[in-house]
Amino acid sequence: MLSALLERIVPTSQRRTVDEMVQDLDLSAGDSRAKRSAFWTMLTLSAVIAAGG
């Protein structure tokens, strides 16, 4: 039953390995400078949007 539920929530074609998740989510893995730059850019833009209303 649990595997059927998992299959409905996240199909096999959309599942990621642990290594792929680390590359995507860990700011110190891979091209860390680009990831940190993108993070701060998005954070600044979201602050501007939130302040604008």
N, C-alpha and C. Protein backbone atom coordinates (compact mmCIF):
# COMPACT_ATOMS: atom_id res chain seq x y z
N MET A 1 0.82 -1.19 0.00
CA MET A 1 0.00 0.00 0.00
C MET A 1 0.87 1.26 0.00
N LEU A 2 1.93 1.23 0.77
CA LEU A 2 2.79 2.40 0.86
C LEU A 2 3.47 2.71 -0.48
N SER A 3 3.89 1.66 -1.19
CA SER A 3 4.54 1.88 -2.48
C SER A 3 3.55 2.42 -3.51
N ALA A 4 2.31 1.99 -3.44
CA ALA A 4 1.28 2.51 -4.35
C ALA A 4 1.02 3.98 -4.09
N LEU A 5 1.01 4.35 -2.81
CA LEU A 5 0.83 5.76 -2.45
C LEU A 5 2.00 6.59 -2.94
N LEU A 6 3.21 6.09 -2.74
CA LEU A 6 4.40 6.79 -3.20
C LEU A 6 4.38 6.96 -4.72
N GLU A 7 3.96 5.92 -5.42
CA GLU A 7 3.89 5.97 -6.88
C GLU A 7 2.89 7.03 -7.35
N ARG A 8 1.81 7.21 -6.63
CA ARG A 8 0.81 8.22 -7.00
C ARG A 8 1.30 9.62 -6.71
N ILE A 9 2.02 9.77 -5.60
CA ILE A 9 2.50 11.10 -5.20
C ILE A 9 3.68 11.53 -6.06
N VAL A 10 4.67 10.66 -6.20
CA VAL A 10 5.87 10.97 -6.99
C VAL A 10 6.12 9.81 -7.95
N PRO A 11 5.73 9.96 -9.20
CA PRO A 11 5.96 8.88 -10.17
C PRO A 11 7.45 8.59 -10.33
N THR A 12 7.76 7.38 -10.75
CA THR A 12 9.15 6.94 -10.89
C THR A 12 9.94 7.87 -11.80
N SER A 13 9.32 8.39 -12.82
CA SER A 13 10.04 9.26 -13.77
C SER A 13 10.44 10.60 -13.15
N GLN A 14 9.83 10.98 -12.01
CA GLN A 14 10.13 12.26 -11.38
C GLN A 14 10.98 12.13 -10.13
N ARG A 15 11.33 10.92 -9.74
CA ARG A 15 12.15 10.73 -8.55
C ARG A 15 13.60 11.04 -8.84
N ARG A 16 14.31 11.53 -7.82
CA ARG A 16 15.71 11.88 -7.96
C ARG A 16 16.55 11.07 -6.99
N THR A 17 17.80 10.87 -7.35
CA THR A 17 18.69 10.17 -6.44
C THR A 17 19.18 11.14 -5.37
N VAL A 18 19.81 10.59 -4.35
CA VAL A 18 20.35 11.43 -3.28
C VAL A 18 21.42 12.36 -3.83
N ASP A 19 22.27 11.87 -4.73
CA ASP A 19 23.32 12.70 -5.31
C ASP A 19 22.73 13.87 -6.10
N GLU A 20 21.67 13.63 -6.84
CA GLU A 20 21.02 14.72 -7.58
C GLU A 20 20.42 15.75 -6.63
N MET A 21 19.84 15.28 -5.54
CA MET A 21 19.25 16.20 -4.56
C MET A 21 20.33 17.06 -3.90
N VAL A 22 21.47 16.45 -3.58
CA VAL A 22 22.57 17.19 -2.97
C VAL A 22 23.07 18.26 -3.93
N GLN A 23 23.24 17.92 -5.20
CA GLN A 23 23.71 18.89 -6.18
C GLN A 23 22.75 20.07 -6.31
N ASP A 24 21.45 19.80 -6.23
CA ASP A 24 20.46 20.85 -6.38
C ASP A 24 20.27 21.71 -5.13
N LEU A 25 20.36 21.11 -3.94
CA LEU A 25 19.98 21.80 -2.72
C LEU A 25 21.13 22.29 -1.86
N ASP A 26 22.27 21.65 -1.94
CA ASP A 26 23.41 22.01 -1.08
C ASP A 26 24.21 23.12 -1.76
N LEU A 27 24.23 24.29 -1.13
CA LEU A 27 24.92 25.43 -1.73
C LEU A 27 26.43 25.25 -1.80
N SER A 28 26.97 24.33 -1.01
CA SER A 28 28.42 24.12 -1.03
C SER A 28 28.85 23.04 -2.02
N ALA A 29 27.89 22.36 -2.65
CA ALA A 29 28.21 21.30 -3.61
C ALA A 29 28.16 21.86 -5.03
N GLY A 30 29.07 21.40 -5.87
CA GLY A 30 29.08 21.83 -7.27
C GLY A 30 29.60 23.25 -7.41
N ASP A 31 28.97 24.02 -8.27
CA ASP A 31 29.38 25.40 -8.52
C ASP A 31 28.80 26.29 -7.42
N SER A 32 29.47 26.31 -6.28
CA SER A 32 28.93 26.99 -5.10
C SER A 32 28.84 28.50 -5.28
N ARG A 33 29.76 29.08 -6.01
CA ARG A 33 29.73 30.53 -6.20
C ARG A 33 28.49 30.96 -6.98
N ALA A 34 28.18 30.23 -8.03
CA ALA A 34 26.99 30.54 -8.82
C ALA A 34 25.71 30.31 -8.02
N LYS A 35 25.70 29.25 -7.22
CA LYS A 35 24.51 28.96 -6.41
C LYS A 35 24.27 30.04 -5.37
N ARG A 36 25.33 30.48 -4.73
CA ARG A 36 25.18 31.53 -3.71
C ARG A 36 24.76 32.85 -4.35
N SER A 37 25.31 33.16 -5.51
CA SER A 37 24.93 34.37 -6.21
C SER A 37 23.44 34.33 -6.59
N ALA A 38 22.99 33.19 -7.10
CA ALA A 38 21.59 33.04 -7.46
C ALA A 38 20.70 33.14 -6.23
N PHE A 39 21.13 32.56 -5.13
CA PHE A 39 20.36 32.62 -3.88
C PHE A 39 20.17 34.06 -3.43
N TRP A 40 21.25 34.84 -3.39
CA TRP A 40 21.15 36.22 -2.92
C TRP A 40 20.35 37.08 -3.89
N THR A 41 20.47 36.81 -5.17
CA THR A 41 19.68 37.55 -6.16
C THR A 41 18.19 37.29 -5.96
N MET A 42 17.82 36.02 -5.79
CA MET A 42 16.41 35.69 -5.58
C MET A 42 15.90 36.23 -4.25
N LEU A 43 16.74 36.20 -3.23
CA LEU A 43 16.33 36.72 -1.93
C LEU A 43 16.07 38.23 -2.01
N THR A 44 16.95 38.94 -2.70
CA THR A 44 16.78 40.39 -2.86
C THR A 44 15.51 40.70 -3.67
N LEU A 45 15.30 39.96 -4.75
CA LEU A 45 14.11 40.20 -5.57
C LEU A 45 12.84 39.89 -4.78
N SER A 46 12.85 38.84 -3.99
CA SER A 46 11.64 38.52 -3.21
C SER A 46 11.39 39.58 -2.14
N ALA A 47 12.43 40.15 -1.57
CA ALA A 47 12.27 41.23 -0.59
C ALA A 47 11.67 42.46 -1.25
N VAL A 48 12.13 42.79 -2.44
CA VAL A 48 11.59 43.95 -3.17
C VAL A 48 10.13 43.73 -3.51
N ILE A 49 9.80 42.54 -3.97
CA ILE A 49 8.41 42.22 -4.31
C ILE A 49 7.53 42.27 -3.07
N ALA A 50 8.01 41.70 -1.95
CA ALA A 50 7.23 41.72 -0.71
C ALA A 50 7.03 43.14 -0.20
N ALA A 51 8.06 43.95 -0.30
CA ALA A 51 7.95 45.33 0.18
C ALA A 51 7.03 46.17 -0.71
N GLY A 52 6.98 45.82 -1.99
CA GLY A 52 6.14 46.54 -2.94
C GLY A 52 4.66 46.20 -2.81
N GLY A 53 4.39 45.12 -2.16
CA GLY A 53 3.01 44.88 -1.86
C GLY A 53 2.31 43.79 -2.49
